[in-house]
Amino acid sequence: MQNYNFIEFKKERDLGAIINDTFKFIRENWKPYFGAIIKIAGPFILIGSILMVLFFSYYLGVVGEVAGMNQSSNPDDVFGLIGPMFGWIGLLAIVLILVFIIVSLTSLFYIKSYISNDGNVNFDDVKSNTFQNIWKYLGLGILVALMIGFGLILCYLPGIYLWVVLSLSTSIMVFENKSVGDSISHSFTLIKGQWWNTFGVLLVIGILVNILGYAFSVPALLYQLIGQGTMLGSDDPTEVFNIFKDPIYIGLNVLSYIGKFVLSSITLISAVFIYYDLNEQKNLTGTIEKIDSLGQ
């Protein structure tokens, strides 16, 4: 069945069109798109949320106990409290990386199915492809992170350059089914002569996504201001910090992080539009496919 709201990805676009079509895609497909992300990544997001709450609770407990110690306290006692925190941080980091990978892959394979089926997404294909490519995406992510990190160490600007170039590597890996190495090398070929345009789109989209992400932080911020405002008249000045132990405040912060995770997929959508724009300029893939379909 034809989808009359189908958005054509395989064509050239200027900066304004890429930004407009990114949010048009979200506006017209938000329910099935975010529904797929929640169905596939939801269990992992839930696990990450529980770990985040436990970490916040442990962290605040440690801070309280360390603050209550005097100068004569044994340093080993302090280390005994702080030491296990590194284990919590490591475990939380692993789960959050896994959540990010699954959200990213779900987003990319959703778009791939959307394109292949003229707007009618096959959820089972999206789910199976997502879990089949976790390790491949992880390998790509580690290599990209190392390259960008090394570039940032070298006077910062090389890191920004590599960030823009390698933003295309995930789309290349998914839509052209290339290996990790080929995805990275093809990114440099595809972006040649178009770095500034790509940087402009990613910058604007990044600013807009961050603004939207702050909206998820508003409830926690308001709750914090109200809670601390009611404690300002207290005789004990340390009571203003009790808000950070409030389960409602912790829960609002966790929801804020979840919202920001999901919104991060908008940047991926814009990167897909950029990929197809550059691919069309260099290879005319979409034009050739339209000519072939007319012939058939």
C-alpha atoms as a PDB file:
ATOM      1  CA  MET A   1       0.000   0.000   0.000  1.00  0.00           C
ATOM      2  CA  GLN A   2       1.395   3.380  -1.007  1.00  0.00           C
ATOM      3  CA  ASN A   3       2.148   5.918   1.711  1.00  0.00           C
ATOM      4  CA  TYR A   4       1.082   9.325   0.362  1.00  0.00           C
ATOM      5  CA  ASN A   5       3.097  11.113   3.075  1.00  0.00           C
ATOM      6  CA  PHE A   6       6.262   9.340   1.970  1.00  0.00           C
ATOM      7  CA  ILE A   7       9.383  11.529   2.167  1.00  0.00           C
ATOM      8  CA  GLU A   8      11.953  10.895  -0.548  1.00  0.00           C
ATOM      9  CA  PHE A   9      15.420  10.568   0.966  1.00  0.00           C
ATOM     10  CA  LYS A  10      17.373   9.905  -2.226  1.00  0.00           C
ATOM     11  CA  LYS A  11      17.655  13.404  -3.634  1.00  0.00           C
ATOM     12  CA  GLU A  12      19.755  16.548  -3.346  1.00  0.00           C
ATOM     13  CA  ARG A  13      18.832  19.093  -0.668  1.00  0.00           C
ATOM     14  CA  ASP A  14      20.217  22.390   0.517  1.00  0.00           C
ATOM     15  CA  LEU A  15      20.816  23.165   4.189  1.00  0.00           C
ATOM     16  CA  GLY A  16      17.314  24.532   4.806  1.00  0.00           C
ATOM     17  CA  ALA A  17      15.627  21.571   3.083  1.00  0.00           C
ATOM     18  CA  ILE A  18      17.626  19.049   5.144  1.00  0.00           C
ATOM     19  CA  ILE A  19      16.611  20.736   8.396  1.00  0.00           C
ATOM     20  CA  ASN A  20      12.969  21.114   7.336  1.00  0.00           C
ATOM     21  CA  ASP A  21      12.680  17.521   6.098  1.00  0.00           C
ATOM     22  CA  THR A  22      14.318  16.173   9.269  1.00  0.00           C
ATOM     23  CA  PHE A  23      11.566  17.668  11.409  1.00  0.00           C
ATOM     24  CA  LYS A  24       8.934  16.880   8.772  1.00  0.00           C
ATOM     25  CA  PHE A  25       9.907  13.218   9.004  1.00  0.00           C
ATOM     26  CA  ILE A  26       9.572  13.358  12.803  1.00  0.00           C
ATOM     27  CA  ARG A  27       6.268  15.216  12.591  1.00  0.00           C
ATOM     28  CA  GLU A  28       4.675  12.740  10.181  1.00  0.00           C
ATOM     29  CA  ASN A  29       6.160   9.554  11.631  1.00  0.00           C
ATOM     30  CA  TRP A  30       6.662  10.335  15.311  1.00  0.00           C
ATOM     31  CA  LYS A  31       4.235   7.710  16.596  1.00  0.00           C
ATOM     32  CA  PRO A  32       5.560   4.618  14.738  1.00  0.00           C
ATOM     33  CA  TYR A  33       9.147   5.916  14.826  1.00  0.00           C
ATOM     34  CA  PHE A  34       9.398   6.553  18.564  1.00  0.00           C
ATOM     35  CA  GLY A  35       7.122   3.549  19.152  1.00  0.00           C
ATOM     36  CA  ALA A  36       9.713   1.320  17.462  1.00  0.00           C
ATOM     37  CA  ILE A  37      12.484   2.828  19.578  1.00  0.00           C
ATOM     38  CA  ILE A  38      10.528   2.259  22.793  1.00  0.00           C
ATOM     39  CA  LYS A  39       9.563  -1.318  21.848  1.00  0.00           C
ATOM     40  CA  ILE A  40      13.112  -2.321  20.921  1.00  0.00           C
ATOM     41  CA  ALA A  41      15.210  -0.225  23.284  1.00  0.00           C
ATOM     42  CA  GLY A  42      12.613   0.094  26.068  1.00  0.00           C
ATOM     43  CA  PRO A  43      13.820  -2.811  28.259  1.00  0.00           C
ATOM     44  CA  PHE A  44      17.396  -1.540  28.105  1.00  0.00           C
ATOM     45  CA  ILE A  45      16.264   2.022  28.825  1.00  0.00           C
ATOM     46  CA  LEU A  46      14.374   0.688  31.870  1.00  0.00           C
ATOM     47  CA  ILE A  47      17.460  -1.159  33.129  1.00  0.00           C
ATOM     48  CA  GLY A  48      19.560   1.954  32.599  1.00  0.00           C
ATOM     49  CA  SER A  49      17.003   4.055  34.462  1.00  0.00           C
ATOM     50  CA  ILE A  50      16.999   1.687  37.455  1.00  0.00           C
ATOM     51  CA  LEU A  51      20.806   1.671  37.546  1.00  0.00           C
ATOM     52  CA  MET A  52      20.839   5.459  37.321  1.00  0.00           C
ATOM     53  CA  VAL A  53      18.477   5.769  40.300  1.00  0.00           C
ATOM     54  CA  LEU A  54      20.576   3.309  42.315  1.00  0.00           C
ATOM     55  CA  PHE A  55      23.759   5.161  41.378  1.00  0.00           C
ATOM     56  CA  PHE A  56      22.329   8.540  42.385  1.00  0.00           C
ATOM     57  CA  SER A  57      21.159   7.071  45.696  1.00  0.00           C
ATOM     58  CA  TYR A  58      24.553   5.507  46.409  1.00  0.00           C
ATOM     59  CA  TYR A  59      26.421   8.651  45.335  1.00  0.00           C
ATOM     60  CA  LEU A  60      24.352  10.928  47.557  1.00  0.00           C
ATOM     61  CA  GLY A  61      24.766   8.530  50.472  1.00  0.00           C
ATOM     62  CA  VAL A  62      28.541   8.548  50.020  1.00  0.00           C
ATOM     63  CA  VAL A  63      28.631  12.339  49.791  1.00  0.00           C
ATOM     64  CA  GLY A  64      26.653  12.590  53.025  1.00  0.00           C
ATOM     65  CA  GLU A  65      28.921  10.175  54.882  1.00  0.00           C
ATOM     66  CA  VAL A  66      32.130  11.803  53.612  1.00  0.00           C
ATOM     67  CA  ALA A  67      30.806  15.253  54.571  1.00  0.00           C
ATOM     68  CA  GLY A  68      30.110  13.936  58.082  1.00  0.00           C
ATOM     69  CA  MET A  69      33.669  12.743  58.592  1.00  0.00           C
ATOM     70  CA  ASN A  70      36.144  14.915  60.452  1.00  0.00           C
ATOM     71  CA  GLN A  71      39.775  15.631  59.581  1.00  0.00           C
ATOM     72  CA  SER A  72      41.031  12.856  61.853  1.00  0.00           C
ATOM     73  CA  SER A  73      39.144  10.179  59.929  1.00  0.00           C
ATOM     74  CA  ASN A  74      41.157   7.337  58.444  1.00  0.00           C
ATOM     75  CA  PRO A  75      41.782   7.862  54.674  1.00  0.00           C
ATOM     76  CA  ASP A  76      41.072   4.155  54.157  1.00  0.00           C
ATOM     77  CA  ASP A  77      37.536   4.748  55.407  1.00  0.00           C
ATOM     78  CA  VAL A  78      37.042   7.434  52.771  1.00  0.00           C
ATOM     79  CA  PHE A  79      38.422   5.180  50.035  1.00  0.00           C
ATOM     80  CA  GLY A  80      36.203   2.349  51.261  1.00  0.00           C
ATOM     81  CA  LEU A  81      33.192   4.558  50.594  1.00  0.00           C
ATOM     82  CA  ILE A  82      34.358   6.026  47.283  1.00  0.00           C
ATOM     83  CA  GLY A  83      35.989   2.890  45.814  1.00  0.00           C
ATOM     84  CA  PRO A  84      32.791   0.964  44.962  1.00  0.00           C
ATOM     85  CA  MET A  85      31.498   4.058  43.140  1.00  0.00           C
ATOM     86  CA  PHE A  86      33.879   3.355  40.258  1.00  0.00           C
ATOM     87  CA  GLY A  87      32.227  -0.032  39.795  1.00  0.00           C
ATOM     88  CA  TRP A  88      28.823   1.655  39.647  1.00  0.00           C
ATOM     89  CA  ILE A  89      30.124   4.178  37.112  1.00  0.00           C
ATOM     90  CA  GLY A  90      31.574   1.414  34.920  1.00  0.00           C
ATOM     91  CA  LEU A  91      28.381  -0.642  34.985  1.00  0.00           C
ATOM     92  CA  LEU A  92      26.226   2.400  34.279  1.00  0.00           C
ATOM     93  CA  ALA A  93      28.492   3.453  31.398  1.00  0.00           C
ATOM     94  CA  ILE A  94      28.232   0.007  29.774  1.00  0.00           C
ATOM     95  CA  VAL A  95      24.424   0.003  29.977  1.00  0.00           C
ATOM     96  CA  LEU A  96      24.116   3.580  28.680  1.00  0.00           C
ATOM     97  CA  ILE A  97      26.429   2.825  25.748  1.00  0.00           C
ATOM     98  CA  LEU A  98      24.305  -0.215  24.941  1.00  0.00           C
ATOM     99  CA  VAL A  99      21.145   1.926  25.097  1.00  0.00           C
ATOM    100  CA  PHE A 100      22.700   4.511  22.779  1.00  0.00           C
ATOM    101  CA  ILE A 101      23.727   1.818  20.279  1.00  0.00           C
ATOM    102  CA  ILE A 102      20.286   0.193  20.220  1.00  0.00           C
ATOM    103  CA  VAL A 103      18.490   3.550  19.886  1.00  0.00           C
ATOM    104  CA  SER A 104      20.837   4.557  17.056  1.00  0.00           C
ATOM    105  CA  LEU A 105      20.508   1.263  15.180  1.00  0.00           C
ATOM    106  CA  THR A 106      16.735   1.225  15.586  1.00  0.00           C
ATOM    107  CA  SER A 107      16.574   4.726  14.139  1.00  0.00           C
ATOM    108  CA  LEU A 108      18.805   3.888  11.163  1.00  0.00           C
ATOM    109  CA  PHE A 109      17.162   0.574  10.297  1.00  0.00           C
ATOM    110  CA  TYR A 110      13.714   2.138  10.710  1.00  0.00           C
ATOM    111  CA  ILE A 111      14.659   4.674   8.042  1.00  0.00           C
ATOM    112  CA  LYS A 112      16.157   1.934   5.863  1.00  0.00           C
ATOM    113  CA  SER A 113      12.920  -0.053   6.021  1.00  0.00           C
ATOM    114  CA  TYR A 114      10.945   3.154   5.449  1.00  0.00           C
ATOM    115  CA  ILE A 115      12.892   3.852   2.249  1.00  0.00           C
ATOM    116  CA  SER A 116      12.832   0.263   0.976  1.00  0.00           C
ATOM    117  CA  ASN A 117       9.059  -0.098   1.459  1.00  0.00           C
ATOM    118  CA  ASP A 118       7.955   3.379   0.316  1.00  0.00           C
ATOM    119  CA  GLY A 119       7.074   4.528   3.809  1.00  0.00           C
ATOM    120  CA  ASN A 120       5.633   1.243   5.130  1.00  0.00           C
ATOM    121  CA  VAL A 121       8.048   0.039   7.817  1.00  0.00           C
ATOM    122  CA  ASN A 122       8.526  -3.650   8.603  1.00  0.00           C
ATOM    123  CA  PHE A 123       9.034  -3.663  12.382  1.00  0.00           C
ATOM    124  CA  ASP A 124      10.336  -7.265  12.487  1.00  0.00           C
ATOM    125  CA  ASP A 125      13.101  -6.384  10.020  1.00  0.00           C
ATOM    126  CA  VAL A 126      14.033  -3.322  12.038  1.00  0.00           C
ATOM    127  CA  LYS A 127      14.252  -5.350  15.246  1.00  0.00           C
ATOM    128  CA  SER A 128      16.248  -8.245  13.791  1.00  0.00           C
ATOM    129  CA  ASN A 129      18.701  -5.957  11.959  1.00  0.00           C
ATOM    130  CA  THR A 130      19.184  -3.876  15.099  1.00  0.00           C
ATOM    131  CA  PHE A 131      20.278  -6.800  17.256  1.00  0.00           C
ATOM    132  CA  GLN A 132      22.323  -8.422  14.482  1.00  0.00           C
ATOM    133  CA  ASN A 133      24.500  -5.320  14.078  1.00  0.00           C
ATOM    134  CA  ILE A 134      25.164  -4.331  17.696  1.00  0.00           C
ATOM    135  CA  TRP A 135      28.777  -5.560  17.728  1.00  0.00           C
ATOM    136  CA  LYS A 136      29.510  -4.089  14.309  1.00  0.00           C
ATOM    137  CA  TYR A 137      28.146  -0.712  15.387  1.00  0.00           C
ATOM    138  CA  LEU A 138      30.063  -0.920  18.663  1.00  0.00           C
ATOM    139  CA  GLY A 139      33.309  -1.547  16.768  1.00  0.00           C
ATOM    140  CA  LEU A 140      32.614   1.400  14.495  1.00  0.00           C
ATOM    141  CA  GLY A 141      31.740   3.597  17.470  1.00  0.00           C
ATOM    142  CA  ILE A 142      34.931   2.722  19.357  1.00  0.00           C
ATOM    143  CA  LEU A 143      37.116   3.408  16.328  1.00  0.00           C
ATOM    144  CA  VAL A 144      35.324   6.687  15.549  1.00  0.00           C
ATOM    145  CA  ALA A 145      35.565   7.791  19.199  1.00  0.00           C
ATOM    146  CA  LEU A 146      39.306   7.037  19.279  1.00  0.00           C
ATOM    147  CA  MET A 147      39.902   8.958  16.044  1.00  0.00           C
ATOM    148  CA  ILE A 148      37.894  11.986  17.177  1.00  0.00           C
ATOM    149  CA  GLY A 149      39.466  11.866  20.655  1.00  0.00           C
ATOM    150  CA  PHE A 150      42.966  11.755  19.165  1.00  0.00           C
ATOM    151  CA  GLY A 151      42.016  14.655  16.875  1.00  0.00           C
ATOM    152  CA  LEU A 152      40.799  16.713  19.836  1.00  0.00           C
ATOM    153  CA  ILE A 153      44.108  16.154  21.605  1.00  0.00           C
ATOM    154  CA  LEU A 154      45.909  17.505  18.527  1.00  0.00           C
ATOM    155  CA  CYS A 155      44.888  21.127  18.943  1.00  0.00           C
ATOM    156  CA  TYR A 156      41.107  20.468  19.019  1.00  0.00           C
ATOM    157  CA  LEU A 157      40.333  21.503  15.411  1.00  0.00           C
ATOM    158  CA  PRO A 158      41.265  18.114  13.866  1.00  0.00           C
ATOM    159  CA  GLY A 159      38.726  16.544  16.237  1.00  0.00           C
ATOM    160  CA  ILE A 160      35.951  18.820  14.960  1.00  0.00           C
ATOM    161  CA  TYR A 161      36.939  18.034  11.369  1.00  0.00           C
ATOM    162  CA  LEU A 162      36.842  14.288  12.027  1.00  0.00           C
ATOM    163  CA  TRP A 163      33.533  14.549  13.928  1.00  0.00           C
ATOM    164  CA  VAL A 164      31.859  16.056  10.853  1.00  0.00           C
ATOM    165  CA  VAL A 165      33.425  13.565   8.433  1.00  0.00           C
ATOM    166  CA  LEU A 166      32.744  10.477  10.531  1.00  0.00           C
ATOM    167  CA  SER A 167      29.138  11.495  11.242  1.00  0.00           C
ATOM    168  CA  LEU A 168      28.407   9.857   7.866  1.00  0.00           C
ATOM    169  CA  SER A 169      30.036   6.524   8.729  1.00  0.00           C
ATOM    170  CA  THR A 170      26.998   5.031  10.507  1.00  0.00           C
ATOM    171  CA  SER A 171      24.709   5.789   7.545  1.00  0.00           C
ATOM    172  CA  ILE A 172      27.242   4.299   5.145  1.00  0.00           C
ATOM    173  CA  MET A 173      27.527   1.151   7.271  1.00  0.00           C
ATOM    174  CA  VAL A 174      23.749   0.647   7.403  1.00  0.00           C
ATOM    175  CA  PHE A 175      22.602   1.767   3.950  1.00  0.00           C
ATOM    176  CA  GLU A 176      25.530   0.383   1.957  1.00  0.00           C
ATOM    177  CA  ASN A 177      26.215  -2.576   4.279  1.00  0.00           C
ATOM    178  CA  LYS A 178      29.933  -1.797   4.339  1.00  0.00           C
ATOM    179  CA  SER A 179      32.487  -2.984   6.866  1.00  0.00           C
ATOM    180  CA  VAL A 180      33.769  -0.737   9.646  1.00  0.00           C
ATOM    181  CA  GLY A 181      36.945   0.176   7.773  1.00  0.00           C
ATOM    182  CA  ASP A 182      35.165   0.769   4.456  1.00  0.00           C
ATOM    183  CA  SER A 183      32.507   2.912   6.170  1.00  0.00           C
ATOM    184  CA  ILE A 184      35.175   5.192   7.624  1.00  0.00           C
ATOM    185  CA  SER A 185      37.212   5.478   4.424  1.00  0.00           C
ATOM    186  CA  HIS A 186      34.104   6.123   2.308  1.00  0.00           C
ATOM    187  CA  SER A 187      33.132   8.966   4.678  1.00  0.00           C
ATOM    188  CA  PHE A 188      36.213  10.920   3.592  1.00  0.00           C
ATOM    189  CA  THR A 189      35.420  10.285  -0.077  1.00  0.00           C
ATOM    190  CA  LEU A 190      31.767  11.264   0.215  1.00  0.00           C
ATOM    191  CA  ILE A 191      32.285  14.500   2.148  1.00  0.00           C
ATOM    192  CA  LYS A 192      35.070  15.825  -0.086  1.00  0.00           C
ATOM    193  CA  GLY A 193      34.247  19.422  -1.038  1.00  0.00           C
ATOM    194  CA  GLN A 194      31.135  19.474   1.185  1.00  0.00           C
ATOM    195  CA  TRP A 195      32.610  19.697   4.683  1.00  0.00           C
ATOM    196  CA  TRP A 196      31.354  23.190   5.505  1.00  0.00           C
ATOM    197  CA  ASN A 197      27.807  22.478   4.330  1.00  0.00           C
ATOM    198  CA  THR A 198      27.721  19.310   6.411  1.00  0.00           C
ATOM    199  CA  PHE A 199      29.137  21.133   9.433  1.00  0.00           C
ATOM    200  CA  GLY A 200      26.465  23.828   9.095  1.00  0.00           C
ATOM    201  CA  VAL A 201      23.596  21.326   9.084  1.00  0.00           C
ATOM    202  CA  LEU A 202      24.968  19.329  12.028  1.00  0.00           C
ATOM    203  CA  LEU A 203      25.588  22.511  14.016  1.00  0.00           C
ATOM    204  CA  VAL A 204      22.056  23.850  13.514  1.00  0.00           C
ATOM    205  CA  ILE A 205      20.435  20.479  14.211  1.00  0.00           C
ATOM    206  CA  GLY A 206      22.631  20.029  17.288  1.00  0.00           C
ATOM    207  CA  ILE A 207      21.558  23.405  18.679  1.00  0.00           C
ATOM    208  CA  LEU A 208      17.865  22.672  18.052  1.00  0.00           C
ATOM    209  CA  VAL A 209      18.070  19.200  19.623  1.00  0.00           C
ATOM    210  CA  ASN A 210      19.825  20.631  22.705  1.00  0.00           C
ATOM    211  CA  ILE A 211      17.109  23.256  23.070  1.00  0.00           C
ATOM    212  CA  LEU A 212      14.446  20.550  22.865  1.00  0.00           C
ATOM    213  CA  GLY A 213      16.448  18.443  25.322  1.00  0.00           C
ATOM    214  CA  TYR A 214      16.438  21.247  27.886  1.00  0.00           C
ATOM    215  CA  ALA A 215      12.637  21.083  27.854  1.00  0.00           C
ATOM    216  CA  PHE A 216      12.929  17.664  29.527  1.00  0.00           C
ATOM    217  CA  SER A 217      15.047  19.261  32.264  1.00  0.00           C
ATOM    218  CA  VAL A 218      12.456  21.921  33.135  1.00  0.00           C
ATOM    219  CA  PRO A 219      10.305  19.752  35.495  1.00  0.00           C
ATOM    220  CA  ALA A 220      13.352  18.690  37.554  1.00  0.00           C
ATOM    221  CA  LEU A 221      14.663  22.268  37.646  1.00  0.00           C
ATOM    222  CA  LEU A 222      11.310  23.696  38.775  1.00  0.00           C
ATOM    223  CA  TYR A 223      10.940  20.986  41.416  1.00  0.00           C
ATOM    224  CA  GLN A 224      14.467  21.754  42.665  1.00  0.00           C
ATOM    225  CA  LEU A 225      13.818  25.517  42.863  1.00  0.00           C
ATOM    226  CA  ILE A 226      10.519  25.011  44.705  1.00  0.00           C
ATOM    227  CA  GLY A 227      12.031  22.466  47.101  1.00  0.00           C
ATOM    228  CA  GLN A 228      15.058  24.575  47.928  1.00  0.00           C
ATOM    229  CA  GLY A 229      12.910  27.695  48.232  1.00  0.00           C
ATOM    230  CA  THR A 230      10.836  26.107  51.003  1.00  0.00           C
ATOM    231  CA  MET A 231      14.009  25.198  52.932  1.00  0.00           C
ATOM    232  CA  LEU A 232      15.730  28.580  52.802  1.00  0.00           C
ATOM    233  CA  GLY A 233      14.220  29.645  56.128  1.00  0.00           C
ATOM    234  CA  SER A 234      15.519  26.562  57.923  1.00  0.00           C
ATOM    235  CA  ASP A 235      18.009  26.907  60.793  1.00  0.00           C
ATOM    236  CA  ASP A 236      20.118  24.141  59.250  1.00  0.00           C
ATOM    237  CA  PRO A 237      21.661  25.462  55.978  1.00  0.00           C
ATOM    238  CA  THR A 238      22.551  21.935  54.846  1.00  0.00           C
ATOM    239  CA  GLU A 239      18.860  21.072  54.477  1.00  0.00           C
ATOM    240  CA  VAL A 240      18.789  22.746  51.062  1.00  0.00           C
ATOM    241  CA  PHE A 241      20.835  19.791  49.809  1.00  0.00           C
ATOM    242  CA  ASN A 242      18.204  17.271  50.872  1.00  0.00           C
ATOM    243  CA  ILE A 243      16.447  17.862  47.542  1.00  0.00           C
ATOM    244  CA  PHE A 244      19.161  15.770  45.879  1.00  0.00           C
ATOM    245  CA  LYS A 245      17.993  12.780  47.938  1.00  0.00           C
ATOM    246  CA  ASP A 246      14.343  13.276  47.024  1.00  0.00           C
ATOM    247  CA  PRO A 247      13.110  10.256  44.988  1.00  0.00           C
ATOM    248  CA  ILE A 248      10.784  12.501  42.954  1.00  0.00           C
ATOM    249  CA  TYR A 249      13.692  14.779  42.006  1.00  0.00           C
ATOM    250  CA  ILE A 250      15.843  11.777  41.093  1.00  0.00           C
ATOM    251  CA  GLY A 251      12.986  10.310  39.029  1.00  0.00           C
ATOM    252  CA  LEU A 252      12.477  13.584  37.127  1.00  0.00           C
ATOM    253  CA  ASN A 253      16.190  13.690  36.316  1.00  0.00           C
ATOM    254  CA  VAL A 254      16.107  10.112  35.060  1.00  0.00           C
ATOM    255  CA  LEU A 255      13.154  10.955  32.790  1.00  0.00           C
ATOM    256  CA  SER A 256      15.122  13.945  31.558  1.00  0.00           C
ATOM    257  CA  TYR A 257      18.051  11.718  30.570  1.00  0.00           C
ATOM    258  CA  ILE A 258      15.733   9.261  28.824  1.00  0.00           C
ATOM    259  CA  GLY A 259      14.133  12.069  26.820  1.00  0.00           C
ATOM    260  CA  LYS A 260      17.527  13.365  25.749  1.00  0.00           C
ATOM    261  CA  PHE A 261      18.590   9.861  24.689  1.00  0.00           C
ATOM    262  CA  VAL A 262      15.540   9.490  22.466  1.00  0.00           C
ATOM    263  CA  LEU A 263      15.949  12.988  21.016  1.00  0.00           C
ATOM    264  CA  SER A 264      19.538  12.194  20.061  1.00  0.00           C
ATOM    265  CA  SER A 265      18.100  10.087  17.228  1.00  0.00           C
ATOM    266  CA  ILE A 266      16.982  13.318  15.496  1.00  0.00           C
ATOM    267  CA  THR A 267      20.644  14.083  14.793  1.00  0.00           C
ATOM    268  CA  LEU A 268      20.940  10.656  13.152  1.00  0.00           C
ATOM    269  CA  ILE A 269      17.955  11.410  10.908  1.00  0.00           C
ATOM    270  CA  SER A 270      19.581  14.628   9.704  1.00  0.00           C
ATOM    271  CA  ALA A 271      22.831  12.702   9.091  1.00  0.00           C
ATOM    272  CA  VAL A 272      20.884  10.276   6.874  1.00  0.00           C
ATOM    273  CA  PHE A 273      19.495  13.171   4.824  1.00  0.00           C
ATOM    274  CA  ILE A 274      23.043  14.552   4.503  1.00  0.00           C
ATOM    275  CA  TYR A 275      24.343  11.144   3.441  1.00  0.00           C
ATOM    276  CA  TYR A 276      21.748  10.795   0.681  1.00  0.00           C
ATOM    277  CA  ASP A 277      22.270  14.390  -0.439  1.00  0.00           C
ATOM    278  CA  LEU A 278      26.027  13.845  -0.847  1.00  0.00           C
ATOM    279  CA  ASN A 279      25.519  10.404  -2.360  1.00  0.00           C
ATOM    280  CA  GLU A 280      23.157  11.875  -4.939  1.00  0.00           C
ATOM    281  CA  GLN A 281      25.617  14.625  -5.816  1.00  0.00           C
ATOM    282  CA  LYS A 282      28.462  12.149  -6.294  1.00  0.00           C
ATOM    283  CA  ASN A 283      26.708   9.031  -7.627  1.00  0.00           C
ATOM    284  CA  LEU A 284      23.165  10.044  -8.770  1.00  0.00           C
ATOM    285  CA  THR A 285      21.877   6.853  -7.120  1.00  0.00           C
ATOM    286  CA  GLY A 286      18.310   8.098  -6.650  1.00  0.00           C
ATOM    287  CA  THR A 287      18.106   9.502 -10.176  1.00  0.00           C
ATOM    288  CA  ILE A 288      19.319   6.232 -11.721  1.00  0.00           C
ATOM    289  CA  GLU A 289      16.796   4.238  -9.663  1.00  0.00           C
ATOM    290  CA  LYS A 290      13.949   6.504 -10.842  1.00  0.00           C
ATOM    291  CA  ILE A 291      15.018   6.073 -14.480  1.00  0.00           C
ATOM    292  CA  ASP A 292      15.163   2.300 -14.029  1.00  0.00           C
ATOM    293  CA  SER A 293      11.705   2.243 -12.424  1.00  0.00           C
ATOM    294  CA  LEU A 294      10.268   4.252 -15.325  1.00  0.00           C
ATOM    295  CA  GLY A 295      11.764   1.786 -17.754  1.00  0.00           C
ATOM    296  CA  GLN A 296      10.151  -1.093 -15.910  1.00  0.00           C
END
